[in-house]
N, C-alpha and C. Protein backbone atom coordinates (compact mmCIF):
# COMPACT_ATOMS: atom_id res chain seq x y z
N MET A 1 101.85 65.01 90.40
CA MET A 1 102.26 66.07 91.30
C MET A 1 103.48 65.88 91.24
N THR A 2 104.14 66.59 91.79
CA THR A 2 104.97 66.13 92.19
C THR A 2 105.58 66.37 93.46
N SER A 3 106.01 65.58 94.03
CA SER A 3 106.35 65.54 95.44
C SER A 3 107.83 65.69 96.09
N TYR A 4 107.76 66.49 97.00
CA TYR A 4 109.11 67.13 97.50
C TYR A 4 109.14 66.74 99.08
N GLU A 5 108.46 65.32 99.25
CA GLU A 5 109.29 64.89 100.80
C GLU A 5 110.03 63.85 100.76
N GLY A 6 111.34 64.72 101.80
CA GLY A 6 112.09 63.59 101.32
C GLY A 6 113.21 64.47 100.19
N THR A 7 113.63 65.58 100.14
CA THR A 7 113.99 66.57 99.28
C THR A 7 115.76 66.02 100.06
N THR A 8 116.49 66.16 99.20
CA THR A 8 117.84 66.14 99.91
C THR A 8 118.64 67.13 99.72
N ALA A 9 119.69 67.61 100.42
CA ALA A 9 120.18 69.11 100.37
C ALA A 9 120.48 69.55 99.04
N GLN A 10 121.09 68.84 98.42
CA GLN A 10 121.56 69.00 97.08
C GLN A 10 120.50 69.45 95.99
N GLU A 11 119.23 68.42 96.18
CA GLU A 11 117.90 69.23 95.44
C GLU A 11 117.76 70.61 96.10
N PHE A 12 117.47 70.14 97.13
CA PHE A 12 116.90 71.98 97.85
C PHE A 12 118.12 72.98 97.03
N LEU A 13 119.53 73.02 97.02
CA LEU A 13 120.42 73.83 96.84
C LEU A 13 119.90 74.34 95.21
N GLU A 14 119.20 73.35 94.57
CA GLU A 14 119.46 73.74 93.00
C GLU A 14 118.08 73.56 92.83
N LEU A 15 117.10 73.29 93.69
CA LEU A 15 115.64 74.45 94.07
C LEU A 15 116.13 76.00 94.22
N LEU A 16 116.60 76.44 95.43
CA LEU A 16 117.25 77.45 95.55
C LEU A 16 117.45 78.71 94.51
N LYS A 17 118.79 77.80 94.18
CA LYS A 17 119.19 78.67 93.02
C LYS A 17 118.63 78.60 91.81
N ALA A 18 117.33 78.06 91.76
CA ALA A 18 116.91 77.94 90.22
C ALA A 18 116.22 79.63 90.42
N GLN A 19 115.27 79.63 91.50
CA GLN A 19 114.78 80.82 91.97
C GLN A 19 115.26 82.17 91.62
N ARG A 20 114.29 83.01 90.49
CA ARG A 20 113.90 84.43 90.31
C ARG A 20 113.71 85.29 90.86
N VAL A 21 114.86 86.62 91.04
CA VAL A 21 114.62 87.27 91.89
C VAL A 21 114.15 88.52 90.72
N TRP A 22 113.31 89.57 91.26
CA TRP A 22 112.94 90.85 90.83
C TRP A 22 112.29 90.59 89.27
N ASP A 23 111.85 89.48 88.65
CA ASP A 23 111.73 89.62 87.11
C ASP A 23 110.39 89.86 86.82
N VAL A 24 110.40 91.50 87.24
CA VAL A 24 109.63 92.27 86.46
C VAL A 24 110.65 93.68 86.35
N GLU A 25 109.26 94.39 85.44
CA GLU A 25 110.25 95.40 85.20
C GLU A 25 110.02 96.82 86.49
N LEU A 26 111.07 96.61 86.81
CA LEU A 26 111.43 97.77 88.48
C LEU A 26 111.62 99.26 88.13
N PRO A 27 110.77 100.18 89.25
CA PRO A 27 110.34 101.57 88.59
C PRO A 27 111.86 102.01 88.89
N GLY A 28 111.83 103.18 88.59
CA GLY A 28 112.89 104.38 89.46
C GLY A 28 112.71 105.13 90.64
N PHE A 29 113.55 105.15 91.41
CA PHE A 29 113.72 105.92 92.65
C PHE A 29 114.68 107.03 92.60
N ASP A 30 113.88 108.14 92.71
CA ASP A 30 115.41 109.23 92.67
C ASP A 30 114.68 110.32 93.91
N PRO A 31 116.26 109.72 94.92
CA PRO A 31 115.65 110.10 96.66
C PRO A 31 115.93 111.31 96.65
N ALA A 32 116.36 112.29 95.64
CA ALA A 32 116.73 114.21 95.48
C ALA A 32 115.08 114.55 95.38
N SER A 33 114.12 113.66 94.91
CA SER A 33 112.74 114.15 95.19
C SER A 33 111.98 113.75 95.66
N ALA A 34 112.64 112.89 97.23
CA ALA A 34 111.56 112.06 98.58
C ALA A 34 111.18 113.77 99.08
N PRO A 35 110.07 113.48 100.07
CA PRO A 35 109.65 114.17 100.47
C PRO A 35 111.06 115.04 102.10
N ASP A 36 110.16 115.95 102.68
CA ASP A 36 111.30 116.00 103.57
C ASP A 36 111.35 115.01 105.55
N ALA A 37 109.76 114.30 105.14
CA ALA A 37 109.14 113.62 106.05
C ALA A 37 109.24 111.99 105.78
N PRO A 38 109.20 110.71 106.25
CA PRO A 38 109.38 109.52 105.43
C PRO A 38 107.81 108.98 105.56
N LEU A 39 106.73 109.77 106.40
CA LEU A 39 104.87 109.50 106.44
C LEU A 39 104.82 109.59 105.01
N PRO A 40 104.86 110.74 104.36
CA PRO A 40 103.97 110.65 102.62
C PRO A 40 104.58 110.16 102.05
N LEU A 41 106.45 109.43 102.17
CA LEU A 41 106.62 108.41 101.22
C LEU A 41 106.46 107.27 101.79
N PHE A 42 106.36 106.98 102.59
CA PHE A 42 105.22 105.58 103.22
C PHE A 42 103.73 105.41 102.47
N ARG A 43 102.97 106.18 102.30
CA ARG A 43 102.24 106.36 101.85
C ARG A 43 102.11 106.21 100.28
N ARG A 44 102.92 107.09 99.77
CA ARG A 44 103.05 107.10 98.68
C ARG A 44 103.31 105.29 98.08
N TRP A 45 104.51 104.78 98.31
CA TRP A 45 104.75 103.96 97.97
C TRP A 45 104.06 102.40 98.46
N PHE A 46 103.12 102.18 99.46
CA PHE A 46 102.21 101.55 99.74
C PHE A 46 101.16 101.74 98.50
N ALA A 47 100.49 102.91 98.16
CA ALA A 47 99.73 102.70 96.98
C ALA A 47 100.17 102.51 95.76
N GLU A 48 101.32 102.70 95.84
CA GLU A 48 102.08 102.20 94.31
C GLU A 48 102.19 100.51 94.44
N ALA A 49 102.10 99.91 95.78
CA ALA A 49 102.54 98.30 95.61
C ALA A 49 100.62 97.94 95.67
N VAL A 50 100.10 98.83 95.97
CA VAL A 50 99.02 98.29 95.47
C VAL A 50 98.63 98.24 93.94
N ALA A 51 98.87 99.64 93.31
CA ALA A 51 98.37 99.29 92.07
C ALA A 51 99.43 98.65 91.44
N ALA A 52 100.20 97.92 91.88
CA ALA A 52 101.29 97.18 91.21
C ALA A 52 100.50 95.86 91.37
N GLY A 53 99.63 95.49 92.26
CA GLY A 53 99.55 94.10 92.49
C GLY A 53 99.67 93.27 93.27
N GLN A 54 100.35 93.91 94.32
CA GLN A 54 101.54 93.49 95.40
C GLN A 54 100.50 93.13 96.49
N ALA A 55 100.50 91.89 96.61
CA ALA A 55 99.40 90.56 97.30
C ALA A 55 100.43 91.27 98.91
N GLU A 56 99.24 91.30 99.60
CA GLU A 56 98.92 91.70 100.96
C GLU A 56 100.01 92.47 101.35
N PRO A 57 99.66 93.77 100.62
CA PRO A 57 100.53 94.39 100.99
C PRO A 57 100.60 95.60 102.68
N HIS A 58 99.66 95.28 102.88
CA HIS A 58 99.78 95.57 104.79
C HIS A 58 100.11 95.00 105.51
N THR A 59 100.65 93.79 105.16
CA THR A 59 101.31 92.59 105.86
C THR A 59 102.50 93.06 106.15
N MET A 60 103.51 92.86 107.54
CA MET A 60 105.02 93.42 107.80
C MET A 60 105.09 92.32 108.61
N GLN A 61 106.87 92.57 108.57
CA GLN A 61 107.34 91.85 109.71
C GLN A 61 107.66 92.88 111.18
N LEU A 62 107.67 92.22 112.27
CA LEU A 62 107.69 92.98 113.21
C LEU A 62 108.42 91.83 114.24
N ALA A 63 109.57 92.75 114.93
CA ALA A 63 110.58 92.10 115.49
C ALA A 63 111.13 92.73 116.54
N THR A 64 110.98 92.08 117.68
CA THR A 64 111.26 92.34 119.52
C THR A 64 112.48 91.62 119.56
N ALA A 65 111.98 92.11 121.37
CA ALA A 65 113.70 91.05 121.87
C ALA A 65 112.49 91.45 123.27
N ASP A 66 112.99 89.86 124.09
CA ASP A 66 112.77 89.49 125.18
C ASP A 66 113.30 90.04 126.14
N ALA A 67 112.98 89.74 127.31
CA ALA A 67 113.67 90.33 128.60
C ALA A 67 115.60 90.23 128.65
N SER A 68 115.62 88.95 127.72
CA SER A 68 117.00 88.81 128.16
C SER A 68 117.74 89.04 126.47
N GLY A 69 117.39 90.30 125.76
CA GLY A 69 117.57 90.65 124.46
C GLY A 69 117.61 89.52 123.93
N ALA A 70 117.01 88.16 123.76
CA ALA A 70 116.87 87.48 122.76
C ALA A 70 115.73 88.04 121.54
N PRO A 71 116.07 87.74 120.11
CA PRO A 71 115.17 88.21 119.41
C PRO A 71 114.28 87.44 119.06
N ASP A 72 112.88 88.02 118.74
CA ASP A 72 111.87 87.26 117.95
C ASP A 72 111.62 88.07 117.06
N VAL A 73 110.43 87.31 115.55
CA VAL A 73 110.13 88.26 114.90
C VAL A 73 108.65 87.44 114.51
N ARG A 74 107.76 87.90 113.57
CA ARG A 74 106.63 87.36 113.09
C ARG A 74 105.82 88.47 112.48
N THR A 75 104.97 87.92 111.47
CA THR A 75 104.65 88.90 110.18
C THR A 75 103.21 89.14 110.64
N LEU A 76 102.00 90.10 111.11
CA LEU A 76 101.22 90.39 111.41
C LEU A 76 100.90 91.73 109.90
N MET A 77 99.83 92.36 110.99
CA MET A 77 98.88 93.43 109.80
C MET A 77 99.42 95.02 110.02
N LEU A 78 99.34 95.78 109.62
CA LEU A 78 99.93 97.32 109.53
C LEU A 78 98.06 97.72 110.11
N HIS A 79 97.94 98.23 110.91
CA HIS A 79 96.51 98.93 110.93
C HIS A 79 96.42 100.03 110.88
N GLY A 80 97.21 101.16 110.51
CA GLY A 80 97.30 102.24 110.26
C GLY A 80 98.93 102.81 110.35
N ALA A 81 99.02 104.36 109.68
CA ALA A 81 100.06 105.03 109.36
C ALA A 81 99.37 106.80 109.43
N ASP A 82 100.11 107.31 110.71
CA ASP A 82 99.83 108.49 110.69
C ASP A 82 100.99 109.11 112.14
N GLU A 83 100.53 110.50 111.86
CA GLU A 83 101.43 111.55 112.63
C GLU A 83 101.61 110.84 114.32
N ASP A 84 100.95 110.01 114.53
CA ASP A 84 101.32 109.24 115.73
C ASP A 84 102.37 107.88 115.73
N GLY A 85 102.76 107.56 114.21
CA GLY A 85 102.88 105.99 114.29
C GLY A 85 102.53 105.15 113.45
N TRP A 86 103.33 104.16 113.35
CA TRP A 86 102.86 103.15 112.50
C TRP A 86 101.77 101.94 113.57
N HIS A 87 100.70 101.77 113.49
CA HIS A 87 99.79 101.14 114.27
C HIS A 87 99.54 99.39 113.92
N PHE A 88 99.45 98.52 114.70
CA PHE A 88 99.16 97.50 114.77
C PHE A 88 98.70 96.93 115.77
N ALA A 89 98.10 95.44 116.45
CA ALA A 89 97.68 95.43 117.49
C ALA A 89 97.88 93.93 117.54
N SER A 90 97.51 93.20 119.27
CA SER A 90 97.99 92.05 119.16
C SER A 90 97.27 92.23 120.42
N HIS A 91 97.01 91.08 121.57
CA HIS A 91 97.08 90.85 122.99
C HIS A 91 98.24 91.20 123.65
N ALA A 92 97.82 91.77 124.89
CA ALA A 92 98.68 91.93 125.62
C ALA A 92 99.15 90.85 126.27
N THR A 93 98.93 89.85 126.50
CA THR A 93 99.28 88.78 126.61
C THR A 93 100.15 87.76 125.96
N SER A 94 99.93 87.99 124.93
CA SER A 94 101.04 87.55 123.63
C SER A 94 102.38 87.45 123.85
N ASN A 95 103.47 86.86 123.42
CA ASN A 95 104.48 86.28 123.49
C ASN A 95 105.33 88.22 123.25
N LYS A 96 104.30 88.32 122.29
CA LYS A 96 104.93 90.19 121.46
C LYS A 96 104.41 91.42 122.56
N GLY A 97 103.60 90.76 122.84
CA GLY A 97 102.81 91.92 124.33
C GLY A 97 103.87 91.79 125.05
N ARG A 98 103.88 91.30 125.85
CA ARG A 98 104.82 91.02 126.89
C ARG A 98 105.69 91.25 126.90
N GLN A 99 107.15 90.93 125.61
CA GLN A 99 108.11 91.18 125.00
C GLN A 99 108.22 93.08 125.16
N LEU A 100 107.10 93.50 124.43
CA LEU A 100 106.95 94.96 124.30
C LEU A 100 106.33 95.88 125.12
N ALA A 101 106.24 95.08 126.68
CA ALA A 101 106.01 95.46 128.01
C ALA A 101 107.37 95.85 128.69
N ALA A 102 108.15 94.78 128.86
CA ALA A 102 109.55 94.32 129.21
C ALA A 102 110.17 95.10 128.67
N ARG A 103 110.51 95.34 127.13
CA ARG A 103 111.50 96.55 126.24
C ARG A 103 110.73 97.17 125.03
N PRO A 104 110.08 98.25 125.43
CA PRO A 104 109.31 98.77 124.51
C PRO A 104 109.71 99.51 123.00
N GLU A 105 110.53 98.67 122.65
CA GLU A 105 111.17 98.90 121.32
C GLU A 105 111.21 97.89 120.33
N ALA A 106 110.66 98.37 118.98
CA ALA A 106 110.82 97.13 118.07
C ALA A 106 111.35 97.58 116.51
N ALA A 107 110.99 96.98 115.50
CA ALA A 107 111.37 96.95 114.39
C ALA A 107 110.58 96.28 113.40
N LEU A 108 109.61 97.40 112.36
CA LEU A 108 109.15 96.74 111.57
C LEU A 108 109.88 96.64 109.90
N HIS A 109 109.17 95.95 109.07
CA HIS A 109 110.18 95.41 108.24
C HIS A 109 108.71 95.18 107.21
N PHE A 110 108.96 96.37 105.58
CA PHE A 110 107.83 95.74 104.56
C PHE A 110 108.59 95.30 103.93
N TYR A 111 108.40 94.20 102.72
CA TYR A 111 108.95 93.75 101.38
C TYR A 111 107.29 93.97 100.24
N TRP A 112 107.79 94.36 99.36
CA TRP A 112 107.03 94.07 98.28
C TRP A 112 107.79 94.10 96.87
N PRO A 113 108.19 92.62 96.74
CA PRO A 113 108.64 92.52 95.16
C PRO A 113 108.11 92.97 94.13
N ALA A 114 106.63 92.83 94.00
CA ALA A 114 106.48 93.42 92.89
C ALA A 114 107.28 94.69 92.42
N GLN A 115 107.74 95.46 93.58
CA GLN A 115 108.33 96.58 93.01
C GLN A 115 109.49 96.70 93.50
N ALA A 116 110.22 95.15 94.06
CA ALA A 116 111.39 95.82 94.28
C ALA A 116 112.09 96.53 95.43
N ARG A 117 111.24 96.52 96.65
CA ARG A 117 111.16 97.81 97.54
C ARG A 117 110.73 97.13 98.61
N GLN A 118 111.63 98.19 99.68
CA GLN A 118 111.56 97.24 101.54
C GLN A 118 111.21 98.49 102.04
N ILE A 119 110.82 98.64 103.10
CA ILE A 119 110.92 99.93 104.21
C ILE A 119 110.98 99.54 105.34
N ARG A 120 112.12 99.44 105.97
CA ARG A 120 112.22 99.36 107.88
C ARG A 120 112.37 100.14 108.40
N LEU A 121 111.99 100.03 109.58
CA LEU A 121 111.32 101.24 110.89
C LEU A 121 112.06 100.92 112.28
N ARG A 122 112.71 101.07 112.94
CA ARG A 122 113.11 101.22 114.33
C ARG A 122 112.40 102.87 115.36
N GLY A 123 112.09 102.17 115.99
CA GLY A 123 111.62 103.21 117.05
C GLY A 123 111.07 103.01 118.68
N THR A 124 110.47 103.07 119.25
CA THR A 124 109.80 103.12 120.67
C THR A 124 108.36 102.91 120.57
N VAL A 125 107.88 101.70 121.49
CA VAL A 125 106.27 101.79 120.94
C VAL A 125 105.32 101.26 122.25
N THR A 126 104.17 102.55 121.99
CA THR A 126 103.60 102.60 122.86
C THR A 126 102.43 102.17 122.43
N ALA A 127 101.14 101.46 124.01
CA ALA A 127 100.70 101.04 123.69
C ALA A 127 99.08 101.68 123.70
N ALA A 128 97.90 101.95 122.77
CA ALA A 128 97.30 102.68 123.39
C ALA A 128 95.98 102.84 124.65
N SER A 129 95.08 103.24 124.36
CA SER A 129 94.42 103.55 125.77
C SER A 129 93.15 102.12 125.15
N SER A 130 92.38 102.04 126.67
CA SER A 130 91.66 100.65 126.34
C SER A 130 90.36 100.95 125.10
N THR A 131 89.94 102.69 125.18
CA THR A 131 88.82 103.01 124.56
C THR A 131 89.40 102.87 122.62
N GLU A 132 90.76 103.71 122.52
CA GLU A 132 91.19 102.91 121.74
C GLU A 132 91.82 101.56 120.74
N SER A 133 91.77 101.37 121.91
CA SER A 133 91.87 99.26 121.64
C SER A 133 90.72 98.91 121.08
N ARG A 134 89.67 99.17 122.07
CA ARG A 134 88.35 98.56 121.41
C ARG A 134 88.27 98.98 120.24
N ALA A 135 88.18 100.35 119.92
CA ALA A 135 87.49 100.88 118.50
C ALA A 135 88.51 100.06 117.33
N ASP A 136 89.37 100.12 117.39
CA ASP A 136 90.10 99.21 116.50
C ASP A 136 90.30 97.76 116.53
N LEU A 137 89.62 97.05 117.25
CA LEU A 137 89.16 95.81 117.45
C LEU A 137 87.90 95.54 116.85
N HIS A 138 87.02 96.56 116.87
CA HIS A 138 85.60 96.26 116.63
C HIS A 138 85.30 97.46 115.08
N ALA A 139 86.23 97.77 114.95
CA ALA A 139 86.24 98.38 113.68
C ALA A 139 87.03 97.15 112.21
N ARG A 140 86.97 96.15 112.61
CA ARG A 140 88.00 94.58 111.92
C ARG A 140 86.25 93.54 111.62
N SER A 141 87.06 92.52 111.23
CA SER A 141 85.71 91.74 110.47
C SER A 141 85.31 90.92 111.58
N THR A 142 84.37 90.37 111.46
CA THR A 142 83.60 89.20 112.56
C THR A 142 84.98 87.82 112.80
N GLY A 143 85.02 87.61 111.75
CA GLY A 143 86.73 86.40 112.58
C GLY A 143 87.69 87.48 112.89
N ALA A 144 87.66 88.10 112.84
CA ALA A 144 89.01 89.21 113.63
C ALA A 144 88.52 89.09 114.79
N LEU A 145 87.24 89.48 115.29
CA LEU A 145 86.74 89.46 116.27
C LEU A 145 86.87 88.31 117.27
N ALA A 146 86.15 86.96 116.60
CA ALA A 146 86.22 85.79 117.10
C ALA A 146 87.45 85.80 117.38
N ALA A 147 88.92 85.51 116.45
CA ALA A 147 89.74 85.17 116.96
C ALA A 147 90.21 85.46 117.87
N ALA A 148 90.15 86.85 118.13
CA ALA A 148 90.55 87.88 119.30
C ALA A 148 89.74 87.16 120.78
N LEU A 149 88.36 86.77 120.70
CA LEU A 149 88.01 86.45 121.55
C LEU A 149 88.95 84.98 122.16
N VAL A 150 88.30 84.51 121.20
CA VAL A 150 89.49 83.02 121.97
C VAL A 150 90.89 83.45 122.17
N GLY A 151 91.68 83.98 122.34
CA GLY A 151 92.43 84.19 123.00
C GLY A 151 93.78 83.26 123.00
N ARG A 152 94.46 83.18 123.99
CA ARG A 152 94.90 82.21 124.77
C ARG A 152 96.13 82.35 123.51
N GLN A 153 97.19 82.95 123.20
CA GLN A 153 97.69 83.27 121.77
C GLN A 153 99.09 82.97 122.19
N SER A 154 99.79 82.17 121.55
CA SER A 154 101.08 81.78 122.30
C SER A 154 100.64 80.14 123.31
N GLU A 155 100.08 80.69 123.86
CA GLU A 155 99.87 78.84 124.88
C GLU A 155 100.00 77.92 124.33
N ILE A 156 100.14 76.62 124.78
CA ILE A 156 100.26 75.22 124.82
C ILE A 156 99.02 74.99 124.18
N LEU A 157 98.95 74.52 123.04
CA LEU A 157 97.55 74.02 122.38
C LEU A 157 97.49 72.40 122.61
N VAL A 158 96.55 71.78 123.46
CA VAL A 158 96.20 70.27 123.48
C VAL A 158 95.66 69.28 122.13
N SER A 159 95.06 69.74 121.43
CA SER A 159 95.15 69.27 120.34
C SER A 159 94.06 69.96 119.36
N GLN A 160 93.97 69.87 117.78
CA GLN A 160 93.13 70.76 116.69
C GLN A 160 91.99 70.88 117.25
N GLU A 161 90.79 69.69 118.16
CA GLU A 161 89.73 69.64 118.29
C GLU A 161 89.60 70.50 119.37
N GLU A 162 90.49 71.14 120.21
CA GLU A 162 90.13 71.76 121.33
C GLU A 162 89.95 73.44 120.83
N LEU A 163 90.92 73.76 119.57
CA LEU A 163 90.62 74.76 118.96
C LEU A 163 89.64 75.43 118.28
N ALA A 164 89.31 74.14 117.54
CA ALA A 164 88.05 73.90 116.47
C ALA A 164 86.73 74.32 117.88
N ARG A 165 86.88 73.74 119.12
CA ARG A 165 85.77 73.84 119.45
C ARG A 165 85.65 75.89 120.55
N ALA A 166 86.57 75.97 120.48
CA ALA A 166 86.95 77.32 121.02
C ALA A 166 86.77 78.05 120.14
N SER A 167 87.01 78.19 118.55
CA SER A 167 87.03 78.82 117.84
C SER A 167 85.36 79.13 117.19
N GLN A 168 84.78 78.18 117.54
CA GLN A 168 83.40 77.96 116.86
C GLN A 168 82.50 78.68 118.12
N GLU A 169 82.76 79.06 119.07
CA GLU A 169 82.20 79.26 120.29
C GLU A 169 82.58 80.69 120.22
N ALA A 170 83.67 81.15 119.77
CA ALA A 170 83.59 82.40 119.94
C ALA A 170 83.09 82.79 118.52
N TRP A 171 83.04 82.32 117.27
CA TRP A 171 82.22 82.96 116.11
C TRP A 171 80.80 82.94 116.31
N HIS A 172 80.01 82.37 117.03
CA HIS A 172 78.63 82.18 117.39
C HIS A 172 78.79 84.04 117.88
N ARG A 173 79.91 83.88 119.03
CA ARG A 173 79.53 85.02 119.99
C ARG A 173 79.99 85.84 119.20
N ALA A 174 80.69 86.16 118.28
CA ALA A 174 80.84 87.36 117.64
C ALA A 174 80.03 87.56 116.78
N GLN A 175 79.53 86.92 115.97
CA GLN A 175 78.29 86.76 114.82
C GLN A 175 76.50 87.73 116.38
N ALA A 176 76.56 86.97 117.24
CA ALA A 176 75.38 87.59 118.55
C ALA A 176 76.09 89.03 118.99
N GLU A 177 76.97 89.39 119.64
CA GLU A 177 77.58 90.08 120.42
C GLU A 177 78.51 91.42 119.31
N PRO A 178 78.73 91.57 117.97
CA PRO A 178 79.87 92.44 117.59
C PRO A 178 80.26 93.13 118.32
N SER A 179 80.01 93.30 119.41
CA SER A 179 80.67 94.72 120.68
C SER A 179 81.29 93.95 121.88
N ALA A 180 81.80 92.81 121.45
CA ALA A 180 82.38 92.09 122.97
C ALA A 180 83.36 92.49 122.80
N PRO A 181 82.85 92.80 124.23
CA PRO A 181 84.68 93.48 124.90
C PRO A 181 86.09 92.23 124.77
N VAL A 182 86.98 92.39 124.80
CA VAL A 182 88.35 91.54 125.05
C VAL A 182 89.18 92.42 125.41
N ALA A 183 89.38 92.17 126.44
CA ALA A 183 89.79 93.06 127.75
C ALA A 183 91.87 93.08 126.94
N THR A 184 92.17 91.85 126.79
CA THR A 184 93.49 92.51 126.36
C THR A 184 94.35 92.85 125.13
N TRP A 185 93.50 93.01 124.24
CA TRP A 185 93.43 93.10 122.77
C TRP A 185 93.92 94.34 123.24
N THR A 186 95.44 95.10 122.20
CA THR A 186 95.73 96.23 122.36
C THR A 186 96.26 96.73 121.52
N LEU A 187 96.04 98.11 120.77
CA LEU A 187 96.66 98.12 119.70
C LEU A 187 97.79 99.53 120.19
N TYR A 188 98.99 98.94 119.29
CA TYR A 188 100.22 99.62 119.40
C TYR A 188 100.26 100.43 118.44
N ALA A 189 101.42 101.48 119.23
CA ALA A 189 102.20 102.59 117.80
C ALA A 189 103.81 102.37 118.12
N LEU A 190 104.12 102.56 116.90
CA LEU A 190 106.03 102.28 116.91
C LEU A 190 105.69 104.09 116.29
N ASP A 191 106.71 104.21 117.06
CA ASP A 191 107.24 106.00 116.62
C ASP A 191 108.52 105.64 116.04
N PRO A 192 108.57 106.11 115.19
CA PRO A 192 110.12 106.08 114.12
C PRO A 192 111.30 106.81 114.63
N VAL A 193 112.58 106.21 114.75
CA VAL A 193 113.56 107.05 114.79
C VAL A 193 114.14 106.95 113.56
N GLU A 194 114.13 106.13 112.87
CA GLU A 194 114.99 105.32 111.99
C GLU A 194 113.78 104.91 110.57
N VAL A 195 113.48 105.44 109.44
CA VAL A 195 112.86 104.49 108.10
C VAL A 195 113.68 104.79 106.85
N GLU A 196 114.19 103.09 106.94
CA GLU A 196 114.73 102.89 105.54
C GLU A 196 113.73 103.00 104.02
N PHE A 197 114.24 103.48 103.38
CA PHE A 197 113.25 103.21 101.98
C PHE A 197 114.21 102.78 100.98
N PHE A 198 114.32 101.06 100.52
CA PHE A 198 114.86 100.55 99.76
C PHE A 198 114.43 100.21 98.35
N GLN A 199 115.09 100.65 97.41
CA GLN A 199 114.61 100.71 95.77
C GLN A 199 115.49 99.61 95.30
N GLY A 200 115.53 98.18 94.75
CA GLY A 200 115.78 97.50 94.37
C GLY A 200 116.28 97.90 92.55
N ASP A 201 117.57 97.82 92.18
CA ASP A 201 118.28 97.63 90.71
C ASP A 201 118.43 96.50 90.40
N ALA A 202 118.65 96.06 89.12
CA ALA A 202 118.41 94.56 88.62
C ALA A 202 119.89 94.37 88.51
N ARG A 203 121.00 95.61 88.50
CA ARG A 203 122.27 95.46 88.75
C ARG A 203 122.95 95.41 89.51
N ARG A 204 122.27 95.42 91.09
CA ARG A 204 122.36 95.69 92.19
C ARG A 204 122.83 96.74 92.52
N ARG A 205 122.56 97.97 92.05
CA ARG A 205 122.53 99.58 92.13
C ARG A 205 121.54 100.26 93.17
N HIS A 206 121.20 99.13 93.98
CA HIS A 206 120.08 99.40 95.20
C HIS A 206 120.42 101.27 95.21
N VAL A 207 119.08 101.47 95.60
CA VAL A 207 119.06 103.18 96.18
C VAL A 207 118.49 102.31 97.68
N ARG A 208 119.46 103.33 98.62
CA ARG A 208 118.66 103.65 99.96
C ARG A 208 119.25 104.36 100.13
N LEU A 209 117.48 104.71 101.08
CA LEU A 209 117.44 105.96 101.50
C LEU A 209 116.84 105.89 103.66
N ARG A 210 117.65 107.23 103.78
CA ARG A 210 117.68 106.50 105.31
C ARG A 210 116.97 108.08 106.19
N TYR A 211 115.83 107.69 106.80
CA TYR A 211 115.18 108.51 107.48
C TYR A 211 115.76 109.02 109.00
N ARG A 212 116.21 109.99 109.41
CA ARG A 212 116.92 109.47 110.90
C ARG A 212 116.28 110.70 111.31
N ARG A 213 115.76 110.30 112.49
CA ARG A 213 115.07 111.58 113.83
C ARG A 213 116.54 112.49 114.10
N GLU A 214 116.18 113.90 113.75
CA GLU A 214 116.94 114.25 114.88
C GLU A 214 116.38 115.77 115.49
N GLY A 215 116.27 115.64 116.26
CA GLY A 215 115.64 117.11 117.29
C GLY A 215 114.28 116.83 116.97
N GLY A 216 113.66 118.05 116.00
CA GLY A 216 112.08 117.81 115.98
C GLY A 216 112.13 117.60 114.43
N GLY A 217 113.04 117.19 113.51
CA GLY A 217 113.03 116.94 112.07
C GLY A 217 113.60 116.10 111.88
N TRP A 218 113.66 115.03 110.75
CA TRP A 218 114.19 113.98 109.70
C TRP A 218 115.53 115.01 109.20
N VAL A 219 116.52 113.79 109.06
CA VAL A 219 117.92 114.36 108.46
C VAL A 219 117.92 113.23 107.63
N ARG A 220 117.86 112.86 106.22
CA ARG A 220 117.84 112.50 104.80
C ARG A 220 119.62 112.16 104.94
N GLU A 221 119.90 110.77 104.53
CA GLU A 221 121.17 110.21 104.02
C GLU A 221 120.56 108.89 103.24
N LEU A 222 121.94 108.86 102.08
CA LEU A 222 122.14 107.95 101.21
C LEU A 222 123.39 106.99 102.14
N LEU A 223 122.47 105.64 101.42
CA LEU A 223 123.22 104.22 101.96
C LEU A 223 124.17 103.87 101.23
N TRP A 224 125.46 102.93 101.34
CA TRP A 224 125.25 102.45 100.22
C TRP A 224 124.91 100.81 100.21
N PRO A 225 124.91 99.97 98.76
CA PRO A 225 124.15 98.88 98.83
C PRO A 225 124.25 97.90 99.74
């Protein structure tokens, strides 16, 4: 087995340069055929990513900013996409929950390398009602409920043993009480003002189509790669 412990800067650079990009047959994308609004195109690209075998296409990056304007980013799961926005969830007491409370603006990013596609969204974020948030949590798996019951996201952890004990207790409770409440669990929706669809091209003639909200509708614009 190869050990990469102690990899030098030069070895890392050589390893980095050896990686291939989009070593697959890429689909075409004619922006002239795109719908008037971004949601139908997002749903179509998502279905095509699933059909192409993209691993975890429902994961995305959420970028927020703290009260001072310093950026933050993490990967989490998409919980839905409809006329109300793109939905995700977390504890209101987590770092992202506190950041969104202070500055309710965010960006989302999807990357599906199986088809060399990216989707970027920017917009305002609103929190759903406690009833909607509770329904979102209880529609998920026992493991998801157990993790939510543990809570304390982003707090300092003294030891792995402490986490193991709390997780075990939460797992037993989630099994015994599948409707157990978690007061801090919050469903959020990002209502986009911009949505960009990026289709990669092997010759780097990438197609970038941006939807920009204007008035009650959307303006479509092509961007240089």
